[in-house]
Amino acid sequence: RAPGTIQVDERMVSLVTLRFEGFIDAVENVTTGDRVKKGEPLMKIYGPGLSTAAAEYITALGASGDAGSRGARRKLENMDVPESAIREIERSRKVPASLTWSAPQDGLVMQRNAVNGMRAAPGDVLFQVADTSKVWALIDLSERDIAMAKVGQTVMIRPRGMPDYIVEGKIALIYPHINKETRTGRVRIELDNQDGKLLPDL
């Protein structure tokens, strides 16, 4: 028996950032703790470079050469413009005042830093979205018990506050170091969480 916490799977987290300098016209009614679906609108973005790239694409669409329009489209793709926004430019043939930025995946909004009217620099984290359908249990074993843990070993997880809820998982990793303050070693158990009952930091 050993204590631990539930954490999101690092491989199932997406950051919503910009690859250009932009401004947030409006943030949708999405806050930390909400669940979102892939493609769901998160905010509307304006940026001079974005408008220029959109105008170039519209001009290229009006020309005869496919190569030119492909190159102009690639520029928008390289700016990480959502596919839905590119399709809207193709349909309307107009430079939009702002483009709708959508959720990159299904998941739980772990962080929302986007605010109406803010300036966003390239790389600023505006949203963090985590798919919690699979999670990790990080368990701290006392130093003397580490040798008993084996990768692939079955483990029963009993969340505190849910005495009748038991989840079975397997040890996926035994971390290669000991915490010198607590004299414990950590193991990672990967768990299915389709019902969403295992909350981060539980």
N, C-alpha and C. Protein backbone atom coordinates (compact mmCIF):
# COMPACT_ATOMS: atom_id res chain seq x y z
N ARG A 1 0.86 -1.19 0.00
CA ARG A 1 0.00 0.00 0.00
C ARG A 1 0.89 1.24 0.00
N ALA A 2 0.55 2.17 -0.85
CA ALA A 2 1.39 3.37 -0.96
C ALA A 2 0.54 4.53 -1.49
N PRO A 3 0.89 5.75 -1.11
CA PRO A 3 0.13 6.92 -1.57
C PRO A 3 0.57 7.36 -2.95
N GLY A 4 -0.30 8.09 -3.61
CA GLY A 4 0.05 8.63 -4.92
C GLY A 4 -0.97 9.66 -5.36
N THR A 5 -0.78 10.21 -6.56
CA THR A 5 -1.73 11.18 -7.11
C THR A 5 -1.99 10.85 -8.58
N ILE A 6 -3.14 11.29 -9.04
CA ILE A 6 -3.49 11.16 -10.46
C ILE A 6 -2.94 12.37 -11.20
N GLN A 7 -2.30 12.14 -12.33
CA GLN A 7 -1.78 13.22 -13.17
C GLN A 7 -2.17 12.97 -14.62
N VAL A 8 -2.23 14.04 -15.40
CA VAL A 8 -2.53 13.87 -16.82
C VAL A 8 -1.34 13.19 -17.50
N ASP A 9 -1.64 12.47 -18.56
CA ASP A 9 -0.60 11.84 -19.37
C ASP A 9 0.07 12.94 -20.20
N GLU A 10 1.37 13.14 -19.99
CA GLU A 10 2.09 14.22 -20.68
C GLU A 10 1.96 14.14 -22.20
N ARG A 11 1.74 12.93 -22.71
CA ARG A 11 1.66 12.74 -24.17
C ARG A 11 0.31 13.16 -24.72
N MET A 12 -0.64 13.49 -23.84
CA MET A 12 -2.00 13.80 -24.29
C MET A 12 -2.39 15.24 -23.96
N VAL A 13 -1.39 16.12 -23.90
CA VAL A 13 -1.61 17.54 -23.60
C VAL A 13 -1.27 18.37 -24.83
N SER A 14 -2.13 19.32 -25.17
CA SER A 14 -1.88 20.25 -26.28
C SER A 14 -1.86 21.68 -25.75
N LEU A 15 -0.92 22.46 -26.26
CA LEU A 15 -0.86 23.89 -25.95
C LEU A 15 -1.40 24.66 -27.15
N VAL A 16 -2.21 25.65 -26.89
CA VAL A 16 -2.70 26.54 -27.94
C VAL A 16 -1.85 27.80 -27.89
N THR A 17 -1.01 27.99 -28.90
CA THR A 17 -0.13 29.15 -28.99
C THR A 17 -0.24 29.73 -30.39
N LEU A 18 0.33 30.92 -30.60
CA LEU A 18 0.39 31.51 -31.93
C LEU A 18 1.82 31.44 -32.44
N ARG A 19 1.95 31.37 -33.77
CA ARG A 19 3.28 31.39 -34.39
C ARG A 19 3.56 32.75 -35.01
N PHE A 20 2.80 33.74 -34.60
CA PHE A 20 2.96 35.11 -35.10
C PHE A 20 2.44 36.04 -34.02
N GLU A 21 2.74 37.32 -34.14
CA GLU A 21 2.22 38.28 -33.16
C GLU A 21 0.78 38.60 -33.51
N GLY A 22 -0.09 38.49 -32.54
CA GLY A 22 -1.51 38.72 -32.80
C GLY A 22 -2.20 39.35 -31.62
N PHE A 23 -3.48 39.61 -31.82
CA PHE A 23 -4.32 40.19 -30.78
C PHE A 23 -5.59 39.35 -30.67
N ILE A 24 -6.05 39.18 -29.44
CA ILE A 24 -7.26 38.39 -29.21
C ILE A 24 -8.46 39.32 -29.22
N ASP A 25 -9.27 39.19 -30.26
CA ASP A 25 -10.49 40.02 -30.36
C ASP A 25 -11.50 39.61 -29.30
N ALA A 26 -11.72 38.31 -29.17
CA ALA A 26 -12.72 37.83 -28.23
C ALA A 26 -12.44 36.38 -27.87
N VAL A 27 -12.65 36.05 -26.62
CA VAL A 27 -12.51 34.67 -26.15
C VAL A 27 -13.92 34.09 -25.99
N GLU A 28 -14.10 32.88 -26.47
CA GLU A 28 -15.41 32.23 -26.32
C GLU A 28 -15.66 31.92 -24.84
N ASN A 29 -16.87 31.48 -24.55
CA ASN A 29 -17.25 31.18 -23.17
C ASN A 29 -16.67 29.82 -22.76
N VAL A 30 -15.33 29.80 -22.69
CA VAL A 30 -14.59 28.59 -22.33
C VAL A 30 -13.65 28.95 -21.19
N THR A 31 -13.74 28.23 -20.08
CA THR A 31 -12.92 28.55 -18.92
C THR A 31 -12.20 27.30 -18.42
N THR A 32 -11.26 27.51 -17.51
CA THR A 32 -10.54 26.39 -16.90
C THR A 32 -11.53 25.42 -16.27
N GLY A 33 -11.36 24.14 -16.59
CA GLY A 33 -12.25 23.11 -16.05
C GLY A 33 -13.32 22.67 -17.03
N ASP A 34 -13.54 23.45 -18.10
CA ASP A 34 -14.52 23.05 -19.11
C ASP A 34 -13.97 21.92 -19.97
N ARG A 35 -14.87 21.10 -20.49
CA ARG A 35 -14.48 20.10 -21.48
C ARG A 35 -14.80 20.64 -22.86
N VAL A 36 -13.87 20.47 -23.78
CA VAL A 36 -14.06 20.96 -25.15
C VAL A 36 -13.87 19.81 -26.13
N LYS A 37 -14.43 20.00 -27.31
CA LYS A 37 -14.29 19.03 -28.40
C LYS A 37 -13.33 19.58 -29.43
N LYS A 38 -12.62 18.70 -30.13
CA LYS A 38 -11.73 19.13 -31.20
C LYS A 38 -12.52 19.94 -32.22
N GLY A 39 -11.98 21.12 -32.59
CA GLY A 39 -12.65 21.99 -33.55
C GLY A 39 -13.59 22.99 -32.93
N GLU A 40 -13.85 22.88 -31.63
CA GLU A 40 -14.74 23.84 -30.95
C GLU A 40 -14.04 25.20 -30.86
N PRO A 41 -14.74 26.30 -31.18
CA PRO A 41 -14.11 27.63 -31.14
C PRO A 41 -13.63 27.99 -29.74
N LEU A 42 -12.40 28.53 -29.67
CA LEU A 42 -11.85 29.00 -28.40
C LEU A 42 -11.77 30.52 -28.35
N MET A 43 -11.40 31.15 -29.50
CA MET A 43 -11.20 32.61 -29.51
C MET A 43 -11.10 33.10 -30.94
N LYS A 44 -11.18 34.41 -31.11
CA LYS A 44 -10.99 35.05 -32.41
C LYS A 44 -9.68 35.85 -32.37
N ILE A 45 -8.84 35.65 -33.40
CA ILE A 45 -7.49 36.23 -33.44
C ILE A 45 -7.36 37.19 -34.62
N TYR A 46 -6.72 38.34 -34.36
CA TYR A 46 -6.35 39.26 -35.44
C TYR A 46 -4.84 39.43 -35.40
N GLY A 47 -4.23 39.52 -36.57
CA GLY A 47 -2.80 39.82 -36.65
C GLY A 47 -2.48 40.37 -38.02
N PRO A 48 -1.66 41.41 -38.11
CA PRO A 48 -1.31 41.98 -39.42
C PRO A 48 -0.70 40.94 -40.36
N GLY A 49 0.21 40.11 -39.84
CA GLY A 49 0.83 39.07 -40.67
C GLY A 49 -0.19 38.05 -41.13
N LEU A 50 -1.16 37.76 -40.27
CA LEU A 50 -2.21 36.80 -40.60
C LEU A 50 -3.08 37.35 -41.74
N SER A 51 -3.44 38.64 -41.64
CA SER A 51 -4.26 39.26 -42.68
C SER A 51 -3.52 39.29 -44.01
N THR A 52 -2.22 39.57 -43.98
CA THR A 52 -1.41 39.60 -45.20
C THR A 52 -1.37 38.22 -45.85
N ALA A 53 -1.16 37.19 -45.04
CA ALA A 53 -1.11 35.82 -45.56
C ALA A 53 -2.46 35.41 -46.15
N ALA A 54 -3.56 35.82 -45.50
CA ALA A 54 -4.89 35.50 -46.02
C ALA A 54 -5.13 36.20 -47.36
N ALA A 55 -4.71 37.48 -47.46
CA ALA A 55 -4.87 38.23 -48.71
C ALA A 55 -4.06 37.59 -49.84
N GLU A 56 -2.84 37.15 -49.53
CA GLU A 56 -2.01 36.48 -50.54
C GLU A 56 -2.68 35.20 -51.04
N TYR A 57 -3.30 34.48 -50.12
CA TYR A 57 -3.96 33.22 -50.50
C TYR A 57 -5.16 33.49 -51.40
N ILE A 58 -5.95 34.52 -51.06
CA ILE A 58 -7.11 34.86 -51.88
C ILE A 58 -6.68 35.28 -53.28
N THR A 59 -5.60 36.08 -53.36
CA THR A 59 -5.07 36.49 -54.67
C THR A 59 -4.62 35.27 -55.47
N ALA A 60 -3.94 34.35 -54.80
CA ALA A 60 -3.45 33.13 -55.46
C ALA A 60 -4.60 32.25 -55.93
N LEU A 61 -5.69 32.22 -55.16
CA LEU A 61 -6.85 31.41 -55.56
C LEU A 61 -7.47 31.96 -56.85
N GLY A 62 -7.39 33.30 -57.00
CA GLY A 62 -7.95 33.93 -58.20
C GLY A 62 -7.08 33.75 -59.43
N ALA A 63 -5.81 33.43 -59.21
CA ALA A 63 -4.89 33.20 -60.34
C ALA A 63 -5.08 31.77 -60.84
N SER A 64 -4.46 31.48 -61.96
CA SER A 64 -4.69 30.18 -62.58
C SER A 64 -3.80 29.07 -62.02
N GLY A 65 -2.63 29.42 -61.50
CA GLY A 65 -1.66 28.39 -61.12
C GLY A 65 -1.95 27.74 -59.78
N ASP A 66 -2.06 26.41 -59.77
CA ASP A 66 -2.29 25.68 -58.52
C ASP A 66 -1.08 25.78 -57.59
N ALA A 67 0.11 25.84 -58.18
CA ALA A 67 1.33 25.87 -57.37
C ALA A 67 1.36 27.12 -56.50
N GLY A 68 0.92 28.24 -57.07
CA GLY A 68 0.90 29.49 -56.30
C GLY A 68 -0.06 29.43 -55.15
N SER A 69 -1.26 28.88 -55.39
CA SER A 69 -2.24 28.79 -54.30
C SER A 69 -1.79 27.79 -53.24
N ARG A 70 -1.11 26.71 -53.68
CA ARG A 70 -0.60 25.74 -52.69
C ARG A 70 0.44 26.39 -51.79
N GLY A 71 1.32 27.20 -52.42
CA GLY A 71 2.35 27.88 -51.63
C GLY A 71 1.75 28.86 -50.64
N ALA A 72 0.72 29.62 -51.09
CA ALA A 72 0.07 30.60 -50.22
C ALA A 72 -0.70 29.89 -49.10
N ARG A 73 -1.29 28.73 -49.42
CA ARG A 73 -2.01 27.97 -48.40
C ARG A 73 -1.03 27.42 -47.37
N ARG A 74 0.12 26.96 -47.86
CA ARG A 74 1.14 26.42 -46.96
C ARG A 74 1.59 27.48 -45.96
N LYS A 75 1.64 28.74 -46.40
CA LYS A 75 2.03 29.82 -45.49
C LYS A 75 1.05 29.92 -44.33
N LEU A 76 -0.24 29.81 -44.63
CA LEU A 76 -1.26 29.82 -43.56
C LEU A 76 -1.11 28.60 -42.66
N GLU A 77 -0.86 27.45 -43.28
CA GLU A 77 -0.68 26.22 -42.49
C GLU A 77 0.54 26.33 -41.58
N ASN A 78 1.61 26.96 -42.10
CA ASN A 78 2.82 27.13 -41.29
C ASN A 78 2.59 28.09 -40.12
N MET A 79 1.59 28.95 -40.25
CA MET A 79 1.21 29.84 -39.15
C MET A 79 0.27 29.14 -38.17
N ASP A 80 -0.01 27.84 -38.45
CA ASP A 80 -0.85 26.99 -37.61
C ASP A 80 -2.31 27.44 -37.61
N VAL A 81 -2.75 28.09 -38.72
CA VAL A 81 -4.15 28.49 -38.84
C VAL A 81 -5.01 27.23 -38.93
N PRO A 82 -6.06 27.12 -38.11
CA PRO A 82 -6.91 25.92 -38.15
C PRO A 82 -7.48 25.69 -39.55
N GLU A 83 -7.63 24.43 -39.91
CA GLU A 83 -8.14 24.06 -41.23
C GLU A 83 -9.52 24.67 -41.48
N SER A 84 -10.35 24.72 -40.45
CA SER A 84 -11.69 25.29 -40.61
C SER A 84 -11.63 26.76 -41.01
N ALA A 85 -10.65 27.49 -40.46
CA ALA A 85 -10.50 28.91 -40.79
C ALA A 85 -10.00 29.08 -42.23
N ILE A 86 -9.10 28.20 -42.68
CA ILE A 86 -8.61 28.26 -44.06
C ILE A 86 -9.75 27.98 -45.03
N ARG A 87 -10.59 27.01 -44.70
CA ARG A 87 -11.74 26.69 -45.57
C ARG A 87 -12.71 27.86 -45.66
N GLU A 88 -12.86 28.60 -44.56
CA GLU A 88 -13.76 29.77 -44.58
C GLU A 88 -13.20 30.85 -45.50
N ILE A 89 -11.88 31.04 -45.51
CA ILE A 89 -11.25 32.01 -46.43
C ILE A 89 -11.50 31.57 -47.88
N GLU A 90 -11.36 30.28 -48.14
CA GLU A 90 -11.59 29.74 -49.49
C GLU A 90 -13.04 29.97 -49.93
N ARG A 91 -13.96 29.80 -48.99
CA ARG A 91 -15.38 29.94 -49.33
C ARG A 91 -15.77 31.38 -49.58
N SER A 92 -15.34 32.28 -48.68
CA SER A 92 -15.78 33.67 -48.75
C SER A 92 -14.96 34.52 -49.72
N ARG A 93 -13.70 34.10 -49.95
CA ARG A 93 -12.75 34.88 -50.77
C ARG A 93 -12.61 36.31 -50.22
N LYS A 94 -12.69 36.45 -48.90
CA LYS A 94 -12.53 37.76 -48.26
C LYS A 94 -11.50 37.64 -47.14
N VAL A 95 -10.76 38.73 -46.92
CA VAL A 95 -9.81 38.77 -45.80
C VAL A 95 -10.63 39.01 -44.53
N PRO A 96 -10.65 38.05 -43.62
CA PRO A 96 -11.48 38.24 -42.41
C PRO A 96 -10.85 39.23 -41.45
N ALA A 97 -11.72 39.96 -40.72
CA ALA A 97 -11.21 40.88 -39.70
C ALA A 97 -10.48 40.10 -38.62
N SER A 98 -10.96 38.91 -38.32
CA SER A 98 -10.30 38.03 -37.35
C SER A 98 -10.65 36.60 -37.71
N LEU A 99 -9.81 35.67 -37.26
CA LEU A 99 -10.02 34.26 -37.56
C LEU A 99 -10.35 33.51 -36.27
N THR A 100 -11.22 32.52 -36.41
CA THR A 100 -11.60 31.70 -35.25
C THR A 100 -10.55 30.62 -35.02
N TRP A 101 -10.00 30.60 -33.80
CA TRP A 101 -9.01 29.58 -33.41
C TRP A 101 -9.76 28.51 -32.64
N SER A 102 -9.56 27.26 -33.00
CA SER A 102 -10.35 26.18 -32.41
C SER A 102 -9.50 25.24 -31.56
N ALA A 103 -10.18 24.42 -30.78
CA ALA A 103 -9.49 23.45 -29.91
C ALA A 103 -8.79 22.40 -30.75
N PRO A 104 -7.52 22.08 -30.44
CA PRO A 104 -6.76 21.11 -31.23
C PRO A 104 -7.14 19.67 -30.95
N GLN A 105 -7.84 19.41 -29.85
CA GLN A 105 -8.20 18.04 -29.48
C GLN A 105 -9.34 18.08 -28.49
N ASP A 106 -9.97 16.93 -28.29
CA ASP A 106 -10.94 16.78 -27.20
C ASP A 106 -10.17 16.85 -25.89
N GLY A 107 -10.79 17.39 -24.85
CA GLY A 107 -10.12 17.34 -23.57
C GLY A 107 -10.64 18.35 -22.57
N LEU A 108 -9.91 18.40 -21.46
CA LEU A 108 -10.23 19.27 -20.34
C LEU A 108 -9.34 20.51 -20.43
N VAL A 109 -9.95 21.70 -20.29
CA VAL A 109 -9.17 22.93 -20.30
C VAL A 109 -8.45 23.03 -18.95
N MET A 110 -7.13 22.84 -18.97
CA MET A 110 -6.34 22.88 -17.74
C MET A 110 -5.89 24.31 -17.42
N GLN A 111 -5.81 25.13 -18.45
CA GLN A 111 -5.28 26.47 -18.28
C GLN A 111 -5.90 27.37 -19.35
N ARG A 112 -6.34 28.56 -18.95
CA ARG A 112 -6.80 29.56 -19.91
C ARG A 112 -6.15 30.88 -19.55
N ASN A 113 -5.22 31.32 -20.40
CA ASN A 113 -4.54 32.60 -20.19
C ASN A 113 -5.06 33.67 -21.13
N ALA A 114 -5.84 33.28 -22.13
CA ALA A 114 -6.34 34.22 -23.12
C ALA A 114 -7.38 35.16 -22.50
N VAL A 115 -7.24 36.46 -22.80
CA VAL A 115 -8.16 37.48 -22.28
C VAL A 115 -8.54 38.40 -23.44
N ASN A 116 -9.78 38.82 -23.48
CA ASN A 116 -10.23 39.72 -24.54
C ASN A 116 -9.30 40.92 -24.68
N GLY A 117 -8.86 41.20 -25.91
CA GLY A 117 -8.07 42.40 -26.19
C GLY A 117 -6.58 42.26 -25.95
N MET A 118 -6.13 41.12 -25.42
CA MET A 118 -4.70 41.01 -25.08
C MET A 118 -3.85 40.83 -26.34
N ARG A 119 -2.61 41.28 -26.25
CA ARG A 119 -1.62 41.04 -27.29
C ARG A 119 -0.94 39.72 -26.99
N ALA A 120 -0.80 38.89 -27.99
CA ALA A 120 -0.18 37.57 -27.80
C ALA A 120 1.07 37.48 -28.66
N ALA A 121 2.19 37.20 -28.03
CA ALA A 121 3.45 37.03 -28.74
C ALA A 121 3.58 35.57 -29.18
N PRO A 122 4.40 35.31 -30.20
CA PRO A 122 4.62 33.93 -30.60
C PRO A 122 5.09 33.06 -29.43
N GLY A 123 4.44 31.93 -29.26
CA GLY A 123 4.83 31.00 -28.20
C GLY A 123 4.09 31.19 -26.89
N ASP A 124 3.38 32.32 -26.71
CA ASP A 124 2.61 32.51 -25.48
C ASP A 124 1.55 31.41 -25.38
N VAL A 125 1.44 30.77 -24.21
CA VAL A 125 0.44 29.73 -24.01
C VAL A 125 -0.90 30.39 -23.70
N LEU A 126 -1.85 30.23 -24.61
CA LEU A 126 -3.17 30.84 -24.45
C LEU A 126 -4.17 29.87 -23.83
N PHE A 127 -4.07 28.60 -24.20
CA PHE A 127 -4.87 27.54 -23.59
C PHE A 127 -4.00 26.30 -23.47
N GLN A 128 -4.32 25.49 -22.46
CA GLN A 128 -3.74 24.16 -22.34
C GLN A 128 -4.90 23.18 -22.24
N VAL A 129 -4.94 22.22 -23.16
CA VAL A 129 -6.04 21.25 -23.21
C VAL A 129 -5.46 19.85 -23.04
N ALA A 130 -6.02 19.10 -22.10
CA ALA A 130 -5.52 17.74 -21.82
C ALA A 130 -6.62 16.72 -22.03
N ASP A 131 -6.30 15.69 -22.79
CA ASP A 131 -7.20 14.55 -22.95
C ASP A 131 -7.04 13.68 -21.71
N THR A 132 -8.10 13.54 -20.93
CA THR A 132 -8.02 12.78 -19.67
C THR A 132 -8.66 11.40 -19.78
N SER A 133 -8.83 10.91 -21.02
CA SER A 133 -9.40 9.56 -21.18
C SER A 133 -8.43 8.49 -20.71
N LYS A 134 -7.15 8.84 -20.68
CA LYS A 134 -6.13 7.98 -20.05
C LYS A 134 -5.31 8.88 -19.13
N VAL A 135 -5.03 8.41 -17.93
CA VAL A 135 -4.27 9.21 -16.96
C VAL A 135 -3.18 8.37 -16.33
N TRP A 136 -2.31 9.04 -15.60
CA TRP A 136 -1.25 8.36 -14.86
C TRP A 136 -1.57 8.41 -13.37
N ALA A 137 -1.25 7.35 -12.66
CA ALA A 137 -1.17 7.39 -11.20
C ALA A 137 0.32 7.35 -10.87
N LEU A 138 0.80 8.40 -10.21
CA LEU A 138 2.20 8.46 -9.79
C LEU A 138 2.25 8.07 -8.31
N ILE A 139 2.88 6.95 -8.04
CA ILE A 139 2.87 6.36 -6.70
C ILE A 139 4.26 6.46 -6.08
N ASP A 140 4.30 6.88 -4.83
CA ASP A 140 5.57 7.01 -4.11
C ASP A 140 5.75 5.81 -3.17
N LEU A 141 6.70 4.94 -3.52
CA LEU A 141 6.99 3.76 -2.71
C LEU A 141 8.17 4.04 -1.80
N SER A 142 8.09 3.51 -0.58
CA SER A 142 9.23 3.67 0.31
C SER A 142 10.44 2.96 -0.30
N GLU A 143 11.62 3.45 0.04
CA GLU A 143 12.87 2.95 -0.54
C GLU A 143 13.00 1.44 -0.40
N ARG A 144 12.56 0.91 0.74
CA ARG A 144 12.73 -0.53 0.98
C ARG A 144 11.77 -1.38 0.14
N ASP A 145 10.69 -0.74 -0.42
CA ASP A 145 9.70 -1.50 -1.19
C ASP A 145 9.94 -1.45 -2.70
N ILE A 146 10.82 -0.57 -3.14
CA ILE A 146 11.03 -0.37 -4.59
C ILE A 146 11.38 -1.69 -5.29
N ALA A 147 12.19 -2.50 -4.67
CA ALA A 147 12.64 -3.73 -5.30
C ALA A 147 11.48 -4.69 -5.60
N MET A 148 10.35 -4.53 -4.90
CA MET A 148 9.20 -5.42 -5.12
C MET A 148 8.39 -5.02 -6.34
N ALA A 149 8.59 -3.80 -6.83
CA ALA A 149 7.82 -3.31 -7.98
C ALA A 149 8.47 -3.76 -9.28
N LYS A 150 7.66 -4.22 -10.21
CA LYS A 150 8.15 -4.67 -11.51
C LYS A 150 7.28 -4.06 -12.61
N VAL A 151 7.92 -3.68 -13.71
CA VAL A 151 7.16 -3.18 -14.86
C VAL A 151 6.22 -4.27 -15.35
N GLY A 152 4.96 -3.91 -15.60
CA GLY A 152 3.95 -4.88 -16.02
C GLY A 152 3.14 -5.45 -14.88
N GLN A 153 3.56 -5.19 -13.65
CA GLN A 153 2.85 -5.69 -12.47
C GLN A 153 1.48 -5.03 -12.36
N THR A 154 0.46 -5.82 -11.99
CA THR A 154 -0.90 -5.29 -11.83
C THR A 154 -1.02 -4.55 -10.49
N VAL A 155 -1.70 -3.42 -10.52
CA VAL A 155 -1.87 -2.57 -9.33
C VAL A 155 -3.34 -2.21 -9.21
N MET A 156 -3.85 -2.17 -8.00
CA MET A 156 -5.22 -1.74 -7.75
C MET A 156 -5.18 -0.33 -7.18
N ILE A 157 -5.91 0.58 -7.81
CA ILE A 157 -5.96 1.98 -7.38
C ILE A 157 -7.30 2.25 -6.71
N ARG A 158 -7.25 2.76 -5.48
CA ARG A 158 -8.46 3.13 -4.75
C ARG A 158 -8.42 4.63 -4.45
N PRO A 159 -9.17 5.44 -5.19
CA PRO A 159 -9.15 6.89 -4.93
C PRO A 159 -9.74 7.20 -3.55
N ARG A 160 -9.09 8.12 -2.85
CA ARG A 160 -9.60 8.57 -1.57
C ARG A 160 -10.95 9.26 -1.79
N GLY A 161 -11.90 8.97 -0.95
CA GLY A 161 -13.23 9.56 -1.09
C GLY A 161 -14.16 8.73 -1.95
N MET A 162 -13.63 7.69 -2.61
CA MET A 162 -14.46 6.78 -3.41
C MET A 162 -14.11 5.35 -3.02
N PRO A 163 -14.49 4.93 -1.80
CA PRO A 163 -14.03 3.63 -1.28
C PRO A 163 -14.48 2.43 -2.12
N ASP A 164 -15.59 2.56 -2.85
CA ASP A 164 -16.10 1.43 -3.63
C ASP A 164 -15.62 1.46 -5.08
N TYR A 165 -14.80 2.44 -5.43
CA TYR A 165 -14.34 2.58 -6.82
C TYR A 165 -12.90 2.11 -6.90
N ILE A 166 -12.67 1.02 -7.60
CA ILE A 166 -11.33 0.45 -7.71
C ILE A 166 -10.98 0.33 -9.20
N VAL A 167 -9.80 0.80 -9.56
CA VAL A 167 -9.35 0.75 -10.94
C VAL A 167 -8.09 -0.11 -11.00
N GLU A 168 -8.04 -0.97 -12.01
CA GLU A 168 -6.86 -1.82 -12.18
C GLU A 168 -5.96 -1.23 -13.27
N GLY A 169 -4.67 -1.20 -12.99
CA GLY A 169 -3.71 -0.74 -13.98
C GLY A 169 -2.43 -1.55 -13.87
N LYS A 170 -1.48 -1.22 -14.72
CA LYS A 170 -0.19 -1.91 -14.68
C LYS A 170 0.94 -0.90 -14.56
N ILE A 171 1.99 -1.28 -13.87
CA ILE A 171 3.16 -0.41 -13.75
C ILE A 171 3.80 -0.28 -15.13
N ALA A 172 3.92 0.98 -15.60
CA ALA A 172 4.51 1.23 -16.91
C ALA A 172 5.96 1.69 -16.80
N LEU A 173 6.31 2.30 -15.65
CA LEU A 173 7.67 2.84 -15.50
C LEU A 173 8.04 2.92 -14.03
N ILE A 174 9.26 2.53 -13.73
CA ILE A 174 9.84 2.76 -12.40
C ILE A 174 10.90 3.83 -12.59
N TYR A 175 10.68 4.99 -12.01
CA TYR A 175 11.59 6.11 -12.23
C TYR A 175 12.97 5.79 -11.65
N PRO A 176 14.03 6.20 -12.36
CA PRO A 176 15.39 5.76 -12.00
C PRO A 176 16.08 6.65 -10.96
N HIS A 177 15.33 7.13 -9.96
CA HIS A 177 15.98 7.92 -8.91
C HIS A 177 15.14 7.86 -7.64
N ILE A 178 15.76 8.20 -6.54
CA ILE A 178 15.11 8.22 -5.22
C ILE A 178 15.04 9.68 -4.76
N ASN A 179 13.90 10.05 -4.17
CA ASN A 179 13.77 11.38 -3.59
C ASN A 179 14.54 11.41 -2.27
N LYS A 180 15.59 12.25 -2.22
CA LYS A 180 16.48 12.20 -1.05
C LYS A 180 15.84 12.76 0.21
N GLU A 181 14.79 13.63 0.05
CA GLU A 181 14.11 14.15 1.25
C GLU A 181 13.16 13.12 1.85
N THR A 182 12.39 12.46 1.00
CA THR A 182 11.37 11.53 1.51
C THR A 182 11.83 10.07 1.51
N ARG A 183 12.98 9.79 0.87
CA ARG A 183 13.49 8.42 0.71
C ARG A 183 12.44 7.53 0.07
N THR A 184 11.81 8.03 -0.98
CA THR A 184 10.84 7.24 -1.72
C THR A 184 11.24 7.19 -3.19
N GLY A 185 10.77 6.15 -3.86
CA GLY A 185 10.93 6.03 -5.30
C GLY A 185 9.56 6.10 -5.94
N ARG A 186 9.52 6.54 -7.17
CA ARG A 186 8.23 6.75 -7.83
C ARG A 186 8.01 5.73 -8.94
N VAL A 187 6.76 5.24 -9.03
CA VAL A 187 6.36 4.39 -10.14
C VAL A 187 5.17 5.02 -10.84
N ARG A 188 5.05 4.73 -12.14
CA ARG A 188 3.94 5.28 -12.93
C ARG A 188 3.03 4.16 -13.39
N ILE A 189 1.75 4.31 -13.09
CA ILE A 189 0.75 3.35 -13.53
C ILE A 189 -0.15 4.07 -14.54
N GLU A 190 -0.38 3.45 -15.69
CA GLU A 190 -1.23 4.06 -16.71
C GLU A 190 -2.63 3.46 -16.59
N LEU A 191 -3.63 4.36 -16.55
CA LEU A 191 -5.00 3.95 -16.26
C LEU A 191 -5.96 4.44 -17.32
N ASP A 192 -6.96 3.61 -17.61
CA ASP A 192 -8.05 4.03 -18.48
C ASP A 192 -9.02 4.89 -17.66
N ASN A 193 -9.45 6.02 -18.23
CA ASN A 193 -10.30 6.95 -17.48
C ASN A 193 -11.45 7.45 -18.36
N GLN A 194 -12.06 6.53 -19.11
CA GLN A 194 -13.13 6.93 -20.02
C GLN A 194 -14.30 7.57 -19.30
N ASP A 195 -14.55 7.16 -18.04
CA ASP A 195 -15.68 7.73 -17.30
C ASP A 195 -15.34 9.07 -16.64
N GLY A 196 -14.06 9.47 -16.70
CA GLY A 196 -13.67 10.79 -16.19
C GLY A 196 -13.68 10.93 -14.67
N LYS A 197 -13.75 9.82 -13.95
CA LYS A 197 -13.81 9.92 -12.48
C LYS A 197 -12.45 10.23 -11.86
N LEU A 198 -11.37 9.85 -12.54
CA LEU A 198 -10.03 10.09 -12.00
C LEU A 198 -9.57 11.49 -12.41
N LEU A 199 -9.67 12.42 -11.48
CA LEU A 199 -9.39 13.82 -11.78
C LEU A 199 -7.92 14.14 -11.50
N PRO A 200 -7.30 15.03 -12.30
CA PRO A 200 -5.92 15.42 -12.04
C PRO A 200 -5.74 15.90 -10.60
N ASP A 201 -4.65 15.45 -9.97
CA ASP A 201 -4.27 15.76 -8.59
C ASP A 201 -5.12 15.05 -7.54
N LEU A 202 -6.02 14.16 -7.96
CA LEU A 202 -6.77 13.36 -7.00
C LEU A 202 -5.79 12.52 -6.20
